[in-house]
Amino acid sequence: MKDMEAHLEKLRADAAECALIRDLATDPQKRALFMRLAEHLATLASEVEATIAQPESKAALVGGLLRSDVACLSRCVRQRVSSFASAL
């Protein structure tokens, strides 16, 4: 469960980072891109938080059914954010 909460915090941090990059971007296309990324990551964080809060999902989280999915998603998001950030 602790690792799910860590992934949730990582999603929130990535959303905040994308929002910051959006605010600093001078290119309108990059600004729009990072706005979409920030919104998407915030949505994912909300969904993970809701899943963690559901009593029936706690058994699945402990069993690792959702843990690997979130870990994979988190890695994919970090890769995308890194590639977009390096394009700035």
PDB file of N, CA and C in Angstrom:
ATOM      1  N   MET A   1       0.817  -1.183   0.000  1.00  0.00           N
ATOM      2  CA  MET A   1       0.000   0.000   0.000  1.00  0.00           C
ATOM      3  C   MET A   1       0.869   1.258   0.000  1.00  0.00           C
ATOM      4  N   LYS A   2       1.985   1.195   0.713  1.00  0.00           N
ATOM      5  CA  LYS A   2       2.879   2.354   0.782  1.00  0.00           C
ATOM      6  C   LYS A   2       3.432   2.706  -0.592  1.00  0.00           C
ATOM      7  N   ASP A   3       3.734   1.677  -1.400  1.00  0.00           N
ATOM      8  CA  ASP A   3       4.268   1.966  -2.726  1.00  0.00           C
ATOM      9  C   ASP A   3       3.207   2.610  -3.623  1.00  0.00           C
ATOM     10  N   MET A   4       1.936   2.246  -3.417  1.00  0.00           N
ATOM     11  CA  MET A   4       0.857   2.888  -4.189  1.00  0.00           C
ATOM     12  C   MET A   4       0.761   4.360  -3.820  1.00  0.00           C
ATOM     13  N   GLU A   5       0.907   4.648  -2.540  1.00  0.00           N
ATOM     14  CA  GLU A   5       0.874   6.037  -2.102  1.00  0.00           C
ATOM     15  C   GLU A   5       2.079   6.795  -2.642  1.00  0.00           C
ATOM     16  N   ALA A   6       3.221   6.122  -2.751  1.00  0.00           N
ATOM     17  CA  ALA A   6       4.407   6.755  -3.333  1.00  0.00           C
ATOM     18  C   ALA A   6       4.176   7.052  -4.816  1.00  0.00           C
ATOM     19  N   HIS A   7       3.546   6.121  -5.523  1.00  0.00           N
ATOM     20  CA  HIS A   7       3.229   6.356  -6.934  1.00  0.00           C
ATOM     21  C   HIS A   7       2.237   7.506  -7.080  1.00  0.00           C
ATOM     22  N   LEU A   8       1.292   7.588  -6.168  1.00  0.00           N
ATOM     23  CA  LEU A   8       0.320   8.674  -6.187  1.00  0.00           C
ATOM     24  C   LEU A   8       1.036  10.015  -6.013  1.00  0.00           C
ATOM     25  N   GLU A   9       1.935  10.086  -5.073  1.00  0.00           N
ATOM     26  CA  GLU A   9       2.693  11.315  -4.861  1.00  0.00           C
ATOM     27  C   GLU A   9       3.552  11.654  -6.074  1.00  0.00           C
ATOM     28  N   LYS A  10       4.107  10.630  -6.728  1.00  0.00           N
ATOM     29  CA  LYS A  10       4.908  10.855  -7.930  1.00  0.00           C
ATOM     30  C   LYS A  10       4.040  11.426  -9.048  1.00  0.00           C
ATOM     31  N   LEU A  11       2.837  10.901  -9.216  1.00  0.00           N
ATOM     32  CA  LEU A  11       1.925  11.441 -10.230  1.00  0.00           C
ATOM     33  C   LEU A  11       1.599  12.902  -9.942  1.00  0.00           C
ATOM     34  N   ARG A  12       1.340  13.198  -8.673  1.00  0.00           N
ATOM     35  CA  ARG A  12       1.056  14.589  -8.301  1.00  0.00           C
ATOM     36  C   ARG A  12       2.252  15.499  -8.574  1.00  0.00           C
ATOM     37  N   ALA A  13       3.449  15.018  -8.240  1.00  0.00           N
ATOM     38  CA  ALA A  13       4.654  15.815  -8.479  1.00  0.00           C
ATOM     39  C   ALA A  13       4.875  16.026  -9.975  1.00  0.00           C
ATOM     40  N   ASP A  14       4.654  14.979 -10.769  1.00  0.00           N
ATOM     41  CA  ASP A  14       4.806  15.106 -12.220  1.00  0.00           C
ATOM     42  C   ASP A  14       3.790  16.088 -12.792  1.00  0.00           C
ATOM     43  N   ALA A  15       2.565  16.074 -12.271  1.00  0.00           N
ATOM     44  CA  ALA A  15       1.540  17.017 -12.724  1.00  0.00           C
ATOM     45  C   ALA A  15       1.965  18.447 -12.400  1.00  0.00           C
ATOM     46  N   ALA A  16       2.503  18.648 -11.209  1.00  0.00           N
ATOM     47  CA  ALA A  16       2.959  19.982 -10.818  1.00  0.00           C
ATOM     48  C   ALA A  16       4.137  20.436 -11.682  1.00  0.00           C
ATOM     49  N   GLU A  17       5.034  19.506 -11.995  1.00  0.00           N
ATOM     50  CA  GLU A  17       6.181  19.835 -12.838  1.00  0.00           C
ATOM     51  C   GLU A  17       5.734  20.222 -14.246  1.00  0.00           C
ATOM     52  N   CYS A  18       4.775  19.484 -14.781  1.00  0.00           N
ATOM     53  CA  CYS A  18       4.255  19.818 -16.108  1.00  0.00           C
ATOM     54  C   CYS A  18       3.552  21.176 -16.099  1.00  0.00           C
ATOM     55  N   ALA A  19       2.853  21.469 -15.019  1.00  0.00           N
ATOM     56  CA  ALA A  19       2.195  22.774 -14.908  1.00  0.00           C
ATOM     57  C   ALA A  19       3.231  23.898 -14.859  1.00  0.00           C
ATOM     58  N   LEU A  20       4.328  23.662 -14.165  1.00  0.00           N
ATOM     59  CA  LEU A  20       5.396  24.657 -14.106  1.00  0.00           C
ATOM     60  C   LEU A  20       6.022  24.866 -15.484  1.00  0.00           C
ATOM     61  N   ILE A  21       6.309  23.764 -16.172  1.00  0.00           N
ATOM     62  CA  ILE A  21       6.885  23.857 -17.518  1.00  0.00           C
ATOM     63  C   ILE A  21       5.909  24.589 -18.440  1.00  0.00           C
ATOM     64  N   ARG A  22       4.613  24.280 -18.305  1.00  0.00           N
ATOM     65  CA  ARG A  22       3.584  24.968 -19.089  1.00  0.00           C
ATOM     66  C   ARG A  22       3.656  26.473 -18.858  1.00  0.00           C
ATOM     67  N   ASP A  23       3.788  26.868 -17.605  1.00  0.00           N
ATOM     68  CA  ASP A  23       3.828  28.289 -17.270  1.00  0.00           C
ATOM     69  C   ASP A  23       5.081  28.976 -17.794  1.00  0.00           C
ATOM     70  N   LEU A  24       6.167  28.237 -17.910  1.00  0.00           N
ATOM     71  CA  LEU A  24       7.432  28.813 -18.369  1.00  0.00           C
ATOM     72  C   LEU A  24       7.625  28.746 -19.880  1.00  0.00           C
ATOM     73  N   ALA A  25       6.851  27.906 -20.543  1.00  0.00           N
ATOM     74  CA  ALA A  25       7.023  27.713 -21.989  1.00  0.00           C
ATOM     75  C   ALA A  25       6.610  28.971 -22.744  1.00  0.00           C
ATOM     76  N   THR A  26       7.410  29.306 -23.742  1.00  0.00           N
ATOM     77  CA  THR A  26       7.089  30.464 -24.577  1.00  0.00           C
ATOM     78  C   THR A  26       6.419  30.034 -25.880  1.00  0.00           C
ATOM     79  N   ASP A  27       6.647  28.815 -26.291  1.00  0.00           N
ATOM     80  CA  ASP A  27       6.041  28.287 -27.509  1.00  0.00           C
ATOM     81  C   ASP A  27       4.602  27.864 -27.201  1.00  0.00           C
ATOM     82  N   PRO A  28       3.621  28.386 -27.941  1.00  0.00           N
ATOM     83  CA  PRO A  28       2.220  28.039 -27.676  1.00  0.00           C
ATOM     84  C   PRO A  28       1.924  26.537 -27.780  1.00  0.00           C
ATOM     85  N   GLN A  29       2.581  25.849 -28.710  1.00  0.00           N
ATOM     86  CA  GLN A  29       2.356  24.408 -28.856  1.00  0.00           C
ATOM     87  C   GLN A  29       2.863  23.650 -27.633  1.00  0.00           C
ATOM     88  N   LYS A  30       4.044  24.016 -27.164  1.00  0.00           N
ATOM     89  CA  LYS A  30       4.589  23.355 -25.975  1.00  0.00           C
ATOM     90  C   LYS A  30       3.756  23.691 -24.746  1.00  0.00           C
ATOM     91  N   ARG A  31       3.284  24.919 -24.668  1.00  0.00           N
ATOM     92  CA  ARG A  31       2.434  25.304 -23.551  1.00  0.00           C
ATOM     93  C   ARG A  31       1.164  24.445 -23.545  1.00  0.00           C
ATOM     94  N   ALA A  32       0.554  24.285 -24.705  1.00  0.00           N
ATOM     95  CA  ALA A  32      -0.668  23.474 -24.810  1.00  0.00           C
ATOM     96  C   ALA A  32      -0.373  22.010 -24.475  1.00  0.00           C
ATOM     97  N   LEU A  33       0.754  21.505 -24.941  1.00  0.00           N
ATOM     98  CA  LEU A  33       1.134  20.125 -24.671  1.00  0.00           C
ATOM     99  C   LEU A  33       1.292  19.877 -23.177  1.00  0.00           C
ATOM    100  N   PHE A  34       2.025  20.750 -22.501  1.00  0.00           N
ATOM    101  CA  PHE A  34       2.261  20.558 -21.082  1.00  0.00           C
ATOM    102  C   PHE A  34       1.007  20.830 -20.260  1.00  0.00           C
ATOM    103  N   MET A  35       0.105  21.641 -20.783  1.00  0.00           N
ATOM    104  CA  MET A  35      -1.179  21.820 -20.115  1.00  0.00           C
ATOM    105  C   MET A  35      -1.960  20.509 -20.144  1.00  0.00           C
ATOM    106  N   ARG A  36      -1.983  19.854 -21.326  1.00  0.00           N
ATOM    107  CA  ARG A  36      -2.682  18.569 -21.442  1.00  0.00           C
ATOM    108  C   ARG A  36      -2.030  17.512 -20.559  1.00  0.00           C
ATOM    109  N   LEU A  37      -0.697  17.489 -20.531  1.00  0.00           N
ATOM    110  CA  LEU A  37       0.003  16.518 -19.691  1.00  0.00           C
ATOM    111  C   LEU A  37      -0.312  16.748 -18.214  1.00  0.00           C
ATOM    112  N   ALA A  38      -0.284  17.992 -17.773  1.00  0.00           N
ATOM    113  CA  ALA A  38      -0.574  18.304 -16.370  1.00  0.00           C
ATOM    114  C   ALA A  38      -1.991  17.874 -16.014  1.00  0.00           C
ATOM    115  N   GLU A  39      -2.949  18.165 -16.886  1.00  0.00           N
ATOM    116  CA  GLU A  39      -4.335  17.774 -16.632  1.00  0.00           C
ATOM    117  C   GLU A  39      -4.486  16.257 -16.599  1.00  0.00           C
ATOM    118  N   HIS A  40      -3.822  15.584 -17.530  1.00  0.00           N
ATOM    119  CA  HIS A  40      -3.901  14.122 -17.598  1.00  0.00           C
ATOM    120  C   HIS A  40      -3.307  13.486 -16.340  1.00  0.00           C
ATOM    121  N   LEU A  41      -2.144  13.963 -15.929  1.00  0.00           N
ATOM    122  CA  LEU A  41      -1.501  13.415 -14.736  1.00  0.00           C
ATOM    123  C   LEU A  41      -2.332  13.682 -13.486  1.00  0.00           C
ATOM    124  N   ALA A  42      -2.943  14.853 -13.408  1.00  0.00           N
ATOM    125  CA  ALA A  42      -3.802  15.159 -12.267  1.00  0.00           C
ATOM    126  C   ALA A  42      -5.013  14.225 -12.246  1.00  0.00           C
ATOM    127  N   THR A  43      -5.557  13.934 -13.412  1.00  0.00           N
ATOM    128  CA  THR A  43      -6.682  13.002 -13.500  1.00  0.00           C
ATOM    129  C   THR A  43      -6.258  11.608 -13.062  1.00  0.00           C
ATOM    130  N   LEU A  44      -5.100  11.161 -13.539  1.00  0.00           N
ATOM    131  CA  LEU A  44      -4.593   9.847 -13.136  1.00  0.00           C
ATOM    132  C   LEU A  44      -4.383   9.786 -11.632  1.00  0.00           C
ATOM    133  N   ALA A  45      -3.832  10.846 -11.053  1.00  0.00           N
ATOM    134  CA  ALA A  45      -3.615  10.880  -9.612  1.00  0.00           C
ATOM    135  C   ALA A  45      -4.943  10.773  -8.866  1.00  0.00           C
ATOM    136  N   SER A  46      -5.957  11.478  -9.352  1.00  0.00           N
ATOM    137  CA  SER A  46      -7.275  11.413  -8.722  1.00  0.00           C
ATOM    138  C   SER A  46      -7.858  10.004  -8.791  1.00  0.00           C
ATOM    139  N   GLU A  47      -7.663   9.349  -9.931  1.00  0.00           N
ATOM    140  CA  GLU A  47      -8.180   7.988 -10.087  1.00  0.00           C
ATOM    141  C   GLU A  47      -7.446   7.000  -9.190  1.00  0.00           C
ATOM    142  N   VAL A  48      -6.141   7.151  -9.077  1.00  0.00           N
ATOM    143  CA  VAL A  48      -5.372   6.270  -8.193  1.00  0.00           C
ATOM    144  C   VAL A  48      -5.793   6.510  -6.746  1.00  0.00           C
ATOM    145  N   GLU A  49      -5.969   7.769  -6.380  1.00  0.00           N
ATOM    146  CA  GLU A  49      -6.395   8.092  -5.022  1.00  0.00           C
ATOM    147  C   GLU A  49      -7.764   7.487  -4.712  1.00  0.00           C
ATOM    148  N   ALA A  50      -8.679   7.576  -5.666  1.00  0.00           N
ATOM    149  CA  ALA A  50     -10.013   6.992  -5.474  1.00  0.00           C
ATOM    150  C   ALA A  50      -9.928   5.472  -5.343  1.00  0.00           C
ATOM    151  N   THR A  51      -9.059   4.857  -6.117  1.00  0.00           N
ATOM    152  CA  THR A  51      -8.887   3.405  -6.057  1.00  0.00           C
ATOM    153  C   THR A  51      -8.326   2.985  -4.709  1.00  0.00           C
ATOM    154  N   ILE A  52      -7.355   3.731  -4.220  1.00  0.00           N
ATOM    155  CA  ILE A  52      -6.763   3.419  -2.918  1.00  0.00           C
ATOM    156  C   ILE A  52      -7.816   3.538  -1.820  1.00  0.00           C
ATOM    157  N   ALA A  53      -8.709   4.507  -1.949  1.00  0.00           N
ATOM    158  CA  ALA A  53      -9.710   4.765  -0.917  1.00  0.00           C
ATOM    159  C   ALA A  53     -10.820   3.716  -0.872  1.00  0.00           C
ATOM    160  N   GLN A  54     -11.011   2.968  -1.944  1.00  0.00           N
ATOM    161  CA  GLN A  54     -12.078   1.969  -1.986  1.00  0.00           C
ATOM    162  C   GLN A  54     -11.691   0.756  -1.148  1.00  0.00           C
ATOM    163  N   PRO A  55     -12.552   0.367  -0.190  1.00  0.00           N
ATOM    164  CA  PRO A  55     -12.225  -0.770   0.685  1.00  0.00           C
ATOM    165  C   PRO A  55     -11.977  -2.065  -0.081  1.00  0.00           C
ATOM    166  N   GLU A  56     -12.763  -2.330  -1.118  1.00  0.00           N
ATOM    167  CA  GLU A  56     -12.590  -3.594  -1.846  1.00  0.00           C
ATOM    168  C   GLU A  56     -11.300  -3.627  -2.656  1.00  0.00           C
ATOM    169  N   SER A  57     -10.734  -2.441  -2.952  1.00  0.00           N
ATOM    170  CA  SER A  57      -9.501  -2.423  -3.739  1.00  0.00           C
ATOM    171  C   SER A  57      -8.278  -2.643  -2.873  1.00  0.00           C
ATOM    172  N   LYS A  58      -8.404  -2.462  -1.568  1.00  0.00           N
ATOM    173  CA  LYS A  58      -7.235  -2.612  -0.702  1.00  0.00           C
ATOM    174  C   LYS A  58      -6.674  -4.019  -0.747  1.00  0.00           C
ATOM    175  N   ALA A  59      -7.524  -5.013  -0.819  1.00  0.00           N
ATOM    176  CA  ALA A  59      -7.041  -6.393  -0.923  1.00  0.00           C
ATOM    177  C   ALA A  59      -6.300  -6.594  -2.236  1.00  0.00           C
ATOM    178  N   ALA A  60      -6.816  -6.018  -3.308  1.00  0.00           N
ATOM    179  CA  ALA A  60      -6.144  -6.139  -4.600  1.00  0.00           C
ATOM    180  C   ALA A  60      -4.813  -5.399  -4.584  1.00  0.00           C
ATOM    181  N   LEU A  61      -4.783  -4.236  -3.937  1.00  0.00           N
ATOM    182  CA  LEU A  61      -3.535  -3.477  -3.868  1.00  0.00           C
ATOM    183  C   LEU A  61      -2.482  -4.243  -3.090  1.00  0.00           C
ATOM    184  N   VAL A  62      -2.898  -4.831  -1.988  1.00  0.00           N
ATOM    185  CA  VAL A  62      -1.958  -5.601  -1.180  1.00  0.00           C
ATOM    186  C   VAL A  62      -1.472  -6.809  -1.980  1.00  0.00           C
ATOM    187  N   GLY A  63      -2.369  -7.395  -2.758  1.00  0.00           N
ATOM    188  CA  GLY A  63      -2.000  -8.553  -3.564  1.00  0.00           C
ATOM    189  C   GLY A  63      -1.164  -8.200  -4.782  1.00  0.00           C
ATOM    190  N   GLY A  64      -1.028  -6.940  -5.085  1.00  0.00           N
ATOM    191  CA  GLY A  64      -0.180  -6.524  -6.189  1.00  0.00           C
ATOM    192  C   GLY A  64      -0.871  -6.466  -7.529  1.00  0.00           C
ATOM    193  N   LEU A  65      -2.183  -6.638  -7.581  1.00  0.00           N
ATOM    194  CA  LEU A  65      -2.871  -6.625  -8.871  1.00  0.00           C
ATOM    195  C   LEU A  65      -2.821  -5.249  -9.532  1.00  0.00           C
ATOM    196  N   LEU A  66      -2.982  -4.197  -8.731  1.00  0.00           N
ATOM    197  CA  LEU A  66      -2.953  -2.852  -9.280  1.00  0.00           C
ATOM    198  C   LEU A  66      -1.568  -2.221  -9.188  1.00  0.00           C
ATOM    199  N   ARG A  67      -0.768  -2.707  -8.286  1.00  0.00           N
ATOM    200  CA  ARG A  67       0.554  -2.145  -8.058  1.00  0.00           C
ATOM    201  C   ARG A  67       1.399  -2.129  -9.329  1.00  0.00           C
ATOM    202  N   SER A  68       1.419  -3.239 -10.052  1.00  0.00           N
ATOM    203  CA  SER A  68       2.244  -3.311 -11.256  1.00  0.00           C
ATOM    204  C   SER A  68       1.703  -2.403 -12.351  1.00  0.00           C
ATOM    205  N   ASP A  69       0.373  -2.257 -12.426  1.00  0.00           N
ATOM    206  CA  ASP A  69      -0.213  -1.377 -13.428  1.00  0.00           C
ATOM    207  C   ASP A  69       0.185   0.078 -13.191  1.00  0.00           C
ATOM    208  N   VAL A  70       0.119   0.512 -11.946  1.00  0.00           N
ATOM    209  CA  VAL A  70       0.467   1.892 -11.625  1.00  0.00           C
ATOM    210  C   VAL A  70       1.964   2.114 -11.811  1.00  0.00           C
ATOM    211  N   ALA A  71       2.771   1.130 -11.455  1.00  0.00           N
ATOM    212  CA  ALA A  71       4.217   1.262 -11.640  1.00  0.00           C
ATOM    213  C   ALA A  71       4.552   1.414 -13.118  1.00  0.00           C
ATOM    214  N   CYS A  72       3.915   0.630 -13.962  1.00  0.00           N
ATOM    215  CA  CYS A  72       4.139   0.722 -15.402  1.00  0.00           C
ATOM    216  C   CYS A  72       3.680   2.071 -15.931  1.00  0.00           C
ATOM    217  N   LEU A  73       2.518   2.506 -15.503  1.00  0.00           N
ATOM    218  CA  LEU A  73       1.986   3.795 -15.916  1.00  0.00           C
ATOM    219  C   LEU A  73       2.909   4.923 -15.487  1.00  0.00           C
ATOM    220  N   SER A  74       3.392   4.851 -14.269  1.00  0.00           N
ATOM    221  CA  SER A  74       4.285   5.874 -13.750  1.00  0.00           C
ATOM    222  C   SER A  74       5.572   5.952 -14.559  1.00  0.00           C
ATOM    223  N   ARG A  75       6.137   4.790 -14.918  1.00  0.00           N
ATOM    224  CA  ARG A  75       7.354   4.779 -15.739  1.00  0.00           C
ATOM    225  C   ARG A  75       7.097   5.404 -17.100  1.00  0.00           C
ATOM    226  N   CYS A  76       5.968   5.063 -17.726  1.00  0.00           N
ATOM    227  CA  CYS A  76       5.636   5.612 -19.043  1.00  0.00           C
ATOM    228  C   CYS A  76       5.465   7.122 -18.984  1.00  0.00           C
ATOM    229  N   VAL A  77       4.806   7.590 -17.953  1.00  0.00           N
ATOM    230  CA  VAL A  77       4.588   9.034 -17.806  1.00  0.00           C
ATOM    231  C   VAL A  77       5.916   9.747 -17.597  1.00  0.00           C
ATOM    232  N   ARG A  78       6.780   9.196 -16.739  1.00  0.00           N
ATOM    233  CA  ARG A  78       8.091   9.820 -16.513  1.00  0.00           C
ATOM    234  C   ARG A  78       8.884   9.905 -17.807  1.00  0.00           C
ATOM    235  N   GLN A  79       8.834   8.855 -18.631  1.00  0.00           N
ATOM    236  CA  GLN A  79       9.555   8.869 -19.897  1.00  0.00           C
ATOM    237  C   GLN A  79       9.015   9.947 -20.823  1.00  0.00           C
ATOM    238  N   ARG A  80       7.692  10.072 -20.902  1.00  0.00           N
ATOM    239  CA  ARG A  80       7.093  11.088 -21.763  1.00  0.00           C
ATOM    240  C   ARG A  80       7.426  12.492 -21.284  1.00  0.00           C
ATOM    241  N   VAL A  81       7.308  12.710 -19.986  1.00  0.00           N
ATOM    242  CA  VAL A  81       7.609  14.032 -19.437  1.00  0.00           C
ATOM    243  C   VAL A  81       9.066  14.380 -19.682  1.00  0.00           C
ATOM    244  N   SER A  82       9.958  13.414 -19.495  1.00  0.00           N
ATOM    245  CA  SER A  82      11.388  13.667 -19.734  1.00  0.00           C
ATOM    246  C   SER A  82      11.650  14.004 -21.193  1.00  0.00           C
ATOM    247  N   SER A  83      11.032  13.279 -22.092  1.00  0.00           N
ATOM    248  CA  SER A  83      11.277  13.548 -23.517  1.00  0.00           C
ATOM    249  C   SER A  83      10.715  14.898 -23.934  1.00  0.00           C
ATOM    250  N   PHE A  84       9.553  15.266 -23.400  1.00  0.00           N
ATOM    251  CA  PHE A  84       8.986  16.562 -23.732  1.00  0.00           C
ATOM    252  C   PHE A  84       9.771  17.689 -23.088  1.00  0.00           C
ATOM    253  N   ALA A  85      10.231  17.477 -21.869  1.00  0.00           N
ATOM    254  CA  ALA A  85      10.994  18.512 -21.166  1.00  0.00           C
ATOM    255  C   ALA A  85      12.335  18.749 -21.868  1.00  0.00           C
ATOM    256  N   SER A  86      12.937  17.705 -22.381  1.00  0.00           N
ATOM    257  CA  SER A  86      14.222  17.872 -23.067  1.00  0.00           C
ATOM    258  C   SER A  86      14.056  18.574 -24.401  1.00  0.00           C
ATOM    259  N   ALA A  87      12.830  18.569 -24.927  1.00  0.00           N
ATOM    260  CA  ALA A  87      12.564  19.259 -26.198  1.00  0.00           C
ATOM    261  C   ALA A  87      12.483  20.775 -26.030  1.00  0.00           C
ATOM    262  N   LEU A  88      12.346  21.221 -24.774  1.00  0.00           N
ATOM    263  CA  LEU A  88      12.256  22.663 -24.537  1.00  0.00           C
ATOM    264  C   LEU A  88      13.522  23.368 -24.819  1.00  0.00           C
TER     265      LEU A  88
END
